[in-house]
Amino acid sequence: MSGRERNAAPALDDVSKAIIEQLQDDGRRAYARIGRAVGLSEAAVRQRVQRLLDAGIMQIVAVTDPLQVGFRRQAMIGLRVDGDLEAMADKLSGMPEVDYVVITAGSFDLLVEVVCEDDDHLLELLSTRVRALPGVRSTDTFVYLKLKKQQYDWGTR
């Protein structure tokens, strides 16, 4: 099996996409209401949603505004590392402040988004935990001054 076949997303039909769009608009929307919008019974919507969740195609989560819940500092950290990128990504993923980890091509090997209480917390995270990991060669930190757009409704249109 090639990498392309292994990473291929399952094909979604128009009804599944419509269900996802309904939930992206309101994650608490009743299945009966979704069913009316997409032409299915409440039970059929419930089954499809469960299949989408089980397959890892979507999640239904509460998204918070970090500023409103006490996290005043967000940053993206670009890392250049030596060694196994997957293992390093796993180590970083285990840190509670880390909410996003990607292996990249280009100037950085990894990009890591962090959410911290303040600048002191960010400094502690960088100095004593991220940069202290064996294999971290260098980091560049991009502090967020103002978040202008954050969306989660991509993928169906």
N, C-alpha and C. Protein backbone atom coordinates (compact mmCIF):
# COMPACT_ATOMS: atom_id res chain seq x y z
N MET A 1 0.85 -1.18 0.00
CA MET A 1 0.00 0.00 0.00
C MET A 1 0.89 1.24 0.00
N SER A 2 0.66 2.16 -0.89
CA SER A 2 1.48 3.36 -0.98
C SER A 2 1.03 4.37 0.07
N GLY A 3 1.88 5.37 0.33
CA GLY A 3 1.54 6.43 1.27
C GLY A 3 0.28 7.17 0.86
N ARG A 4 0.11 7.35 -0.43
CA ARG A 4 -1.07 8.05 -0.92
C ARG A 4 -2.34 7.26 -0.59
N GLU A 5 -2.32 5.94 -0.79
CA GLU A 5 -3.50 5.12 -0.47
C GLU A 5 -3.76 5.09 1.03
N ARG A 6 -2.68 5.01 1.81
CA ARG A 6 -2.80 4.91 3.26
C ARG A 6 -3.41 6.19 3.84
N ASN A 7 -3.10 7.36 3.27
CA ASN A 7 -3.56 8.63 3.80
C ASN A 7 -4.85 9.13 3.14
N ALA A 8 -5.41 8.37 2.22
CA ALA A 8 -6.60 8.81 1.53
C ALA A 8 -7.78 8.86 2.50
N ALA A 9 -8.48 9.97 2.49
CA ALA A 9 -9.66 10.11 3.35
C ALA A 9 -10.83 9.36 2.73
N PRO A 10 -11.67 8.78 3.57
CA PRO A 10 -12.83 8.10 3.01
C PRO A 10 -13.73 9.10 2.30
N ALA A 11 -14.32 8.68 1.21
CA ALA A 11 -15.21 9.56 0.46
C ALA A 11 -16.49 9.78 1.26
N LEU A 12 -16.91 11.02 1.35
CA LEU A 12 -18.16 11.36 2.03
C LEU A 12 -19.21 11.69 0.99
N ASP A 13 -20.41 11.17 1.18
CA ASP A 13 -21.48 11.53 0.27
C ASP A 13 -22.04 12.89 0.67
N ASP A 14 -22.91 13.44 -0.17
CA ASP A 14 -23.44 14.78 0.06
C ASP A 14 -24.25 14.86 1.36
N VAL A 15 -24.93 13.78 1.72
CA VAL A 15 -25.74 13.79 2.95
C VAL A 15 -24.82 13.87 4.18
N SER A 16 -23.75 13.09 4.20
CA SER A 16 -22.81 13.16 5.32
C SER A 16 -22.19 14.54 5.42
N LYS A 17 -21.84 15.12 4.28
CA LYS A 17 -21.29 16.48 4.29
C LYS A 17 -22.31 17.48 4.84
N ALA A 18 -23.56 17.31 4.46
CA ALA A 18 -24.61 18.21 4.95
C ALA A 18 -24.79 18.06 6.46
N ILE A 19 -24.70 16.85 6.97
CA ILE A 19 -24.80 16.63 8.42
C ILE A 19 -23.63 17.32 9.12
N ILE A 20 -22.44 17.17 8.59
CA ILE A 20 -21.27 17.82 9.18
C ILE A 20 -21.46 19.33 9.18
N GLU A 21 -21.94 19.89 8.09
CA GLU A 21 -22.16 21.33 8.02
C GLU A 21 -23.18 21.79 9.07
N GLN A 22 -24.23 21.01 9.27
CA GLN A 22 -25.22 21.33 10.29
C GLN A 22 -24.57 21.37 11.67
N LEU A 23 -23.73 20.40 11.96
CA LEU A 23 -23.07 20.34 13.27
C LEU A 23 -21.98 21.40 13.41
N GLN A 24 -21.34 21.79 12.31
CA GLN A 24 -20.37 22.87 12.38
C GLN A 24 -21.06 24.19 12.70
N ASP A 25 -22.27 24.34 12.22
CA ASP A 25 -23.04 25.55 12.51
C ASP A 25 -23.48 25.57 13.97
N ASP A 26 -23.87 24.40 14.50
CA ASP A 26 -24.32 24.29 15.89
C ASP A 26 -24.11 22.85 16.34
N GLY A 27 -23.06 22.61 17.10
CA GLY A 27 -22.72 21.27 17.55
C GLY A 27 -23.75 20.64 18.47
N ARG A 28 -24.71 21.42 18.95
CA ARG A 28 -25.75 20.90 19.84
C ARG A 28 -27.09 20.75 19.12
N ARG A 29 -27.08 20.95 17.82
CA ARG A 29 -28.32 20.85 17.05
C ARG A 29 -28.93 19.46 17.18
N ALA A 30 -30.23 19.40 17.39
CA ALA A 30 -30.93 18.13 17.58
C ALA A 30 -30.89 17.30 16.29
N TYR A 31 -30.75 15.99 16.46
CA TYR A 31 -30.71 15.10 15.30
C TYR A 31 -32.01 15.18 14.49
N ALA A 32 -33.14 15.39 15.15
CA ALA A 32 -34.40 15.51 14.42
C ALA A 32 -34.38 16.73 13.50
N ARG A 33 -33.83 17.83 13.99
CA ARG A 33 -33.73 19.05 13.17
C ARG A 33 -32.76 18.85 12.01
N ILE A 34 -31.65 18.19 12.28
CA ILE A 34 -30.69 17.88 11.22
C ILE A 34 -31.35 16.99 10.18
N GLY A 35 -32.08 15.99 10.66
CA GLY A 35 -32.77 15.07 9.75
C GLY A 35 -33.71 15.80 8.81
N ARG A 36 -34.47 16.75 9.34
CA ARG A 36 -35.37 17.54 8.48
C ARG A 36 -34.59 18.31 7.43
N ALA A 37 -33.43 18.83 7.81
CA ALA A 37 -32.63 19.64 6.89
C ALA A 37 -31.98 18.80 5.79
N VAL A 38 -31.66 17.54 6.10
CA VAL A 38 -30.93 16.72 5.13
C VAL A 38 -31.77 15.60 4.53
N GLY A 39 -33.02 15.47 4.98
CA GLY A 39 -33.91 14.46 4.40
C GLY A 39 -33.76 13.06 4.95
N LEU A 40 -33.37 12.95 6.22
CA LEU A 40 -33.23 11.64 6.87
C LEU A 40 -34.04 11.62 8.17
N SER A 41 -34.26 10.43 8.68
CA SER A 41 -34.91 10.29 9.98
C SER A 41 -33.90 10.64 11.08
N GLU A 42 -34.41 10.92 12.26
CA GLU A 42 -33.55 11.19 13.40
C GLU A 42 -32.61 10.02 13.67
N ALA A 43 -33.13 8.80 13.60
CA ALA A 43 -32.31 7.61 13.84
C ALA A 43 -31.20 7.46 12.80
N ALA A 44 -31.52 7.75 11.55
CA ALA A 44 -30.51 7.65 10.49
C ALA A 44 -29.40 8.69 10.70
N VAL A 45 -29.78 9.89 11.13
CA VAL A 45 -28.77 10.93 11.42
C VAL A 45 -27.90 10.47 12.58
N ARG A 46 -28.50 9.96 13.63
CA ARG A 46 -27.75 9.48 14.80
C ARG A 46 -26.73 8.43 14.38
N GLN A 47 -27.13 7.49 13.53
CA GLN A 47 -26.23 6.44 13.07
C GLN A 47 -25.08 7.01 12.24
N ARG A 48 -25.41 7.93 11.35
CA ARG A 48 -24.36 8.53 10.51
C ARG A 48 -23.37 9.33 11.35
N VAL A 49 -23.89 10.09 12.30
CA VAL A 49 -23.01 10.87 13.16
C VAL A 49 -22.08 9.93 13.93
N GLN A 50 -22.62 8.86 14.46
CA GLN A 50 -21.79 7.91 15.20
C GLN A 50 -20.71 7.30 14.32
N ARG A 51 -21.06 6.97 13.07
CA ARG A 51 -20.06 6.42 12.14
C ARG A 51 -18.97 7.46 11.85
N LEU A 52 -19.34 8.72 11.68
CA LEU A 52 -18.37 9.78 11.43
C LEU A 52 -17.44 9.97 12.63
N LEU A 53 -18.00 9.88 13.82
CA LEU A 53 -17.19 9.98 15.04
C LEU A 53 -16.26 8.78 15.17
N ASP A 54 -16.80 7.58 14.99
CA ASP A 54 -16.02 6.36 15.13
C ASP A 54 -14.88 6.29 14.12
N ALA A 55 -15.11 6.83 12.93
CA ALA A 55 -14.09 6.81 11.88
C ALA A 55 -13.03 7.90 12.07
N GLY A 56 -13.25 8.80 13.03
CA GLY A 56 -12.30 9.88 13.25
C GLY A 56 -12.40 10.98 12.21
N ILE A 57 -13.49 11.00 11.45
CA ILE A 57 -13.68 12.02 10.42
C ILE A 57 -14.01 13.35 11.06
N MET A 58 -14.71 13.32 12.19
CA MET A 58 -15.05 14.56 12.88
C MET A 58 -15.06 14.32 14.38
N GLN A 59 -15.05 15.43 15.11
CA GLN A 59 -15.20 15.45 16.55
C GLN A 59 -16.26 16.49 16.87
N ILE A 60 -16.94 16.31 17.95
CA ILE A 60 -17.85 17.35 18.44
C ILE A 60 -17.26 17.80 19.77
N VAL A 61 -16.78 19.05 19.81
CA VAL A 61 -16.10 19.57 20.98
C VAL A 61 -16.56 21.00 21.27
N ALA A 62 -16.34 21.44 22.49
CA ALA A 62 -16.56 22.83 22.86
C ALA A 62 -15.25 23.57 22.60
N VAL A 63 -15.30 24.63 21.82
CA VAL A 63 -14.11 25.42 21.51
C VAL A 63 -14.16 26.67 22.38
N THR A 64 -13.11 26.89 23.15
CA THR A 64 -13.06 28.05 24.03
C THR A 64 -12.16 29.13 23.45
N ASP A 65 -12.35 30.33 23.91
CA ASP A 65 -11.46 31.44 23.61
C ASP A 65 -10.42 31.45 24.72
N PRO A 66 -9.14 31.17 24.41
CA PRO A 66 -8.13 31.08 25.46
C PRO A 66 -8.07 32.33 26.35
N LEU A 67 -8.25 33.51 25.77
CA LEU A 67 -8.20 34.73 26.57
C LEU A 67 -9.29 34.76 27.62
N GLN A 68 -10.46 34.25 27.27
CA GLN A 68 -11.60 34.28 28.19
C GLN A 68 -11.49 33.27 29.33
N VAL A 69 -10.61 32.28 29.18
CA VAL A 69 -10.45 31.27 30.23
C VAL A 69 -9.08 31.34 30.91
N GLY A 70 -8.40 32.50 30.80
CA GLY A 70 -7.20 32.74 31.57
C GLY A 70 -5.87 32.45 30.90
N PHE A 71 -5.88 32.19 29.60
CA PHE A 71 -4.63 31.94 28.89
C PHE A 71 -4.33 33.15 28.01
N ARG A 72 -3.43 34.01 28.49
CA ARG A 72 -3.17 35.30 27.86
C ARG A 72 -2.09 35.26 26.77
N ARG A 73 -1.39 34.14 26.64
CA ARG A 73 -0.30 34.10 25.67
C ARG A 73 -0.42 32.87 24.79
N GLN A 74 -0.52 33.09 23.49
CA GLN A 74 -0.48 32.02 22.50
C GLN A 74 0.74 32.26 21.61
N ALA A 75 1.32 31.18 21.14
CA ALA A 75 2.49 31.31 20.27
C ALA A 75 2.60 30.09 19.38
N MET A 76 3.25 30.28 18.26
CA MET A 76 3.63 29.18 17.37
C MET A 76 5.14 29.05 17.49
N ILE A 77 5.60 27.83 17.71
CA ILE A 77 7.03 27.57 17.85
C ILE A 77 7.46 26.71 16.67
N GLY A 78 8.45 27.21 15.93
CA GLY A 78 9.06 26.44 14.86
C GLY A 78 10.29 25.75 15.42
N LEU A 79 10.39 24.44 15.23
CA LEU A 79 11.53 23.68 15.76
C LEU A 79 12.33 23.05 14.64
N ARG A 80 13.65 23.11 14.80
CA ARG A 80 14.57 22.34 13.97
C ARG A 80 15.14 21.26 14.87
N VAL A 81 15.01 20.01 14.44
CA VAL A 81 15.40 18.92 15.33
C VAL A 81 16.29 17.92 14.60
N ASP A 82 17.04 17.17 15.38
CA ASP A 82 17.81 16.05 14.88
C ASP A 82 17.10 14.78 15.33
N GLY A 83 17.12 13.77 14.49
CA GLY A 83 16.55 12.49 14.90
C GLY A 83 15.14 12.28 14.38
N ASP A 84 14.43 11.42 15.07
CA ASP A 84 13.11 10.94 14.67
C ASP A 84 12.04 12.02 14.88
N LEU A 85 11.51 12.55 13.79
CA LEU A 85 10.50 13.61 13.88
C LEU A 85 9.22 13.12 14.53
N GLU A 86 8.81 11.90 14.22
CA GLU A 86 7.58 11.34 14.79
C GLU A 86 7.71 11.25 16.32
N ALA A 87 8.84 10.77 16.80
CA ALA A 87 9.05 10.64 18.24
C ALA A 87 9.05 12.01 18.91
N MET A 88 9.68 12.98 18.28
CA MET A 88 9.70 14.33 18.84
C MET A 88 8.29 14.92 18.85
N ALA A 89 7.55 14.71 17.77
CA ALA A 89 6.16 15.20 17.72
C ALA A 89 5.33 14.57 18.84
N ASP A 90 5.55 13.29 19.11
CA ASP A 90 4.83 12.61 20.19
C ASP A 90 5.18 13.21 21.55
N LYS A 91 6.45 13.50 21.79
CA LYS A 91 6.87 14.10 23.07
C LYS A 91 6.21 15.46 23.26
N LEU A 92 6.24 16.27 22.22
CA LEU A 92 5.64 17.60 22.30
C LEU A 92 4.13 17.52 22.49
N SER A 93 3.50 16.56 21.82
CA SER A 93 2.05 16.39 21.92
C SER A 93 1.61 16.07 23.35
N GLY A 94 2.50 15.48 24.13
CA GLY A 94 2.18 15.14 25.51
C GLY A 94 2.20 16.31 26.48
N MET A 95 2.66 17.46 26.03
CA MET A 95 2.71 18.63 26.92
C MET A 95 1.33 19.29 26.95
N PRO A 96 0.80 19.58 28.13
CA PRO A 96 -0.56 20.12 28.22
C PRO A 96 -0.75 21.46 27.53
N GLU A 97 0.28 22.26 27.42
CA GLU A 97 0.15 23.58 26.78
C GLU A 97 0.06 23.49 25.26
N VAL A 98 0.46 22.36 24.71
CA VAL A 98 0.53 22.19 23.26
C VAL A 98 -0.84 21.76 22.74
N ASP A 99 -1.35 22.52 21.75
CA ASP A 99 -2.66 22.15 21.19
C ASP A 99 -2.59 21.81 19.71
N TYR A 100 -1.41 21.88 19.10
CA TYR A 100 -1.29 21.65 17.66
C TYR A 100 0.15 21.29 17.37
N VAL A 101 0.36 20.18 16.69
CA VAL A 101 1.71 19.76 16.31
C VAL A 101 1.65 19.24 14.88
N VAL A 102 2.52 19.77 14.02
CA VAL A 102 2.60 19.26 12.66
C VAL A 102 4.07 19.06 12.28
N ILE A 103 4.31 18.01 11.53
CA ILE A 103 5.61 17.78 10.92
C ILE A 103 5.57 18.48 9.57
N THR A 104 6.59 19.28 9.30
CA THR A 104 6.56 20.13 8.11
C THR A 104 7.78 19.89 7.22
N ALA A 105 7.70 20.46 6.05
CA ALA A 105 8.84 20.53 5.14
C ALA A 105 9.19 22.00 5.01
N GLY A 106 10.45 22.31 4.89
CA GLY A 106 10.84 23.71 4.75
C GLY A 106 11.78 24.13 5.85
N SER A 107 11.62 25.36 6.33
CA SER A 107 12.54 25.93 7.32
C SER A 107 12.51 25.22 8.66
N PHE A 108 11.37 24.68 9.02
CA PHE A 108 11.21 24.00 10.30
C PHE A 108 10.87 22.55 10.09
N ASP A 109 11.25 21.73 11.04
CA ASP A 109 10.87 20.32 11.02
C ASP A 109 9.48 20.13 11.64
N LEU A 110 9.18 20.94 12.65
CA LEU A 110 7.91 20.86 13.36
C LEU A 110 7.38 22.26 13.64
N LEU A 111 6.07 22.39 13.62
CA LEU A 111 5.41 23.59 14.11
C LEU A 111 4.51 23.17 15.26
N VAL A 112 4.60 23.94 16.35
CA VAL A 112 3.88 23.60 17.57
C VAL A 112 3.18 24.85 18.07
N GLU A 113 1.86 24.77 18.22
CA GLU A 113 1.12 25.89 18.78
C GLU A 113 0.93 25.64 20.28
N VAL A 114 1.17 26.68 21.07
CA VAL A 114 1.04 26.56 22.52
C VAL A 114 0.11 27.64 23.05
N VAL A 115 -0.53 27.32 24.17
CA VAL A 115 -1.40 28.26 24.87
C VAL A 115 -0.90 28.30 26.31
N CYS A 116 -0.50 29.49 26.76
CA CYS A 116 0.09 29.66 28.09
C CYS A 116 -0.66 30.73 28.87
N GLU A 117 -0.47 30.70 30.20
CA GLU A 117 -1.14 31.68 31.05
C GLU A 117 -0.59 33.08 30.83
N ASP A 118 0.72 33.20 30.63
CA ASP A 118 1.35 34.51 30.47
C ASP A 118 2.75 34.31 29.90
N ASP A 119 3.51 35.41 29.78
CA ASP A 119 4.85 35.32 29.22
C ASP A 119 5.79 34.48 30.08
N ASP A 120 5.66 34.56 31.40
CA ASP A 120 6.51 33.74 32.28
C ASP A 120 6.27 32.25 32.04
N HIS A 121 5.02 31.89 31.86
CA HIS A 121 4.67 30.49 31.58
C HIS A 121 5.28 30.05 30.25
N LEU A 122 5.17 30.91 29.22
CA LEU A 122 5.77 30.60 27.92
C LEU A 122 7.28 30.45 28.05
N LEU A 123 7.92 31.33 28.78
CA LEU A 123 9.37 31.26 28.97
C LEU A 123 9.77 29.96 29.66
N GLU A 124 9.03 29.57 30.70
CA GLU A 124 9.31 28.31 31.40
C GLU A 124 9.14 27.12 30.46
N LEU A 125 8.07 27.12 29.69
CA LEU A 125 7.82 26.03 28.75
C LEU A 125 8.97 25.91 27.75
N LEU A 126 9.35 27.04 27.16
CA LEU A 126 10.43 27.03 26.17
C LEU A 126 11.77 26.62 26.78
N SER A 127 12.13 27.25 27.89
CA SER A 127 13.46 27.07 28.47
C SER A 127 13.67 25.72 29.12
N THR A 128 12.70 25.27 29.89
CA THR A 128 12.94 24.08 30.70
C THR A 128 12.35 22.81 30.12
N ARG A 129 11.44 22.94 29.14
CA ARG A 129 10.84 21.72 28.62
C ARG A 129 11.05 21.53 27.12
N VAL A 130 10.72 22.51 26.29
CA VAL A 130 10.84 22.32 24.84
C VAL A 130 12.31 22.27 24.42
N ARG A 131 13.06 23.30 24.76
CA ARG A 131 14.47 23.36 24.34
C ARG A 131 15.33 22.32 25.04
N ALA A 132 14.84 21.79 26.16
CA ALA A 132 15.60 20.78 26.90
C ALA A 132 15.44 19.37 26.33
N LEU A 133 14.52 19.19 25.39
CA LEU A 133 14.33 17.86 24.80
C LEU A 133 15.55 17.47 23.97
N PRO A 134 16.08 16.28 24.18
CA PRO A 134 17.21 15.82 23.36
C PRO A 134 16.81 15.81 21.88
N GLY A 135 17.64 16.42 21.06
CA GLY A 135 17.37 16.47 19.63
C GLY A 135 16.88 17.82 19.15
N VAL A 136 16.44 18.69 20.05
CA VAL A 136 16.01 20.04 19.64
C VAL A 136 17.26 20.84 19.34
N ARG A 137 17.41 21.22 18.09
CA ARG A 137 18.57 21.97 17.64
C ARG A 137 18.36 23.47 17.83
N SER A 138 17.16 23.96 17.43
CA SER A 138 16.85 25.38 17.59
C SER A 138 15.35 25.58 17.54
N THR A 139 14.92 26.72 18.07
CA THR A 139 13.50 27.08 18.03
C THR A 139 13.37 28.54 17.61
N ASP A 140 12.28 28.85 16.96
CA ASP A 140 11.86 30.22 16.70
C ASP A 140 10.44 30.33 17.22
N THR A 141 10.19 31.35 18.04
CA THR A 141 8.88 31.51 18.64
C THR A 141 8.19 32.73 18.07
N PHE A 142 6.96 32.52 17.62
CA PHE A 142 6.15 33.57 17.03
C PHE A 142 4.98 33.84 17.98
N VAL A 143 5.09 34.93 18.74
CA VAL A 143 4.07 35.27 19.73
C VAL A 143 2.87 35.90 19.02
N TYR A 144 1.68 35.43 19.36
CA TYR A 144 0.46 35.97 18.77
C TYR A 144 0.12 37.30 19.45
N LEU A 145 0.01 38.36 18.67
CA LEU A 145 -0.40 39.65 19.20
C LEU A 145 -1.91 39.81 19.18
N LYS A 146 -2.53 39.31 18.11
CA LYS A 146 -3.98 39.41 17.99
C LYS A 146 -4.46 38.33 17.04
N LEU A 147 -5.43 37.56 17.47
CA LEU A 147 -6.00 36.52 16.62
C LEU A 147 -7.13 37.14 15.81
N LYS A 148 -6.99 37.12 14.50
CA LYS A 148 -7.99 37.74 13.62
C LYS A 148 -8.99 36.75 13.05
N LYS A 149 -8.61 35.49 12.90
CA LYS A 149 -9.51 34.50 12.33
C LYS A 149 -9.14 33.13 12.85
N GLN A 150 -10.15 32.39 13.27
CA GLN A 150 -9.97 31.00 13.66
C GLN A 150 -11.27 30.29 13.33
N GLN A 151 -11.23 29.40 12.37
CA GLN A 151 -12.41 28.71 11.90
C GLN A 151 -12.21 27.21 11.94
N TYR A 152 -13.33 26.52 12.05
CA TYR A 152 -13.30 25.06 12.05
C TYR A 152 -14.33 24.48 11.09
N ASP A 153 -14.78 25.26 10.13
CA ASP A 153 -15.85 24.78 9.25
C ASP A 153 -15.36 24.39 7.87
N TRP A 154 -14.08 24.08 7.72
CA TRP A 154 -13.55 23.67 6.44
C TRP A 154 -13.76 22.18 6.24
N GLY A 155 -13.68 21.76 5.02
CA GLY A 155 -13.67 20.34 4.76
C GLY A 155 -14.90 19.76 4.09
N THR A 156 -15.98 20.52 3.97
CA THR A 156 -17.18 19.94 3.35
C THR A 156 -17.63 20.72 2.13
N ARG A 157 -17.17 21.89 1.96
CA ARG A 157 -17.66 22.74 0.86
C ARG A 157 -16.75 22.66 -0.34
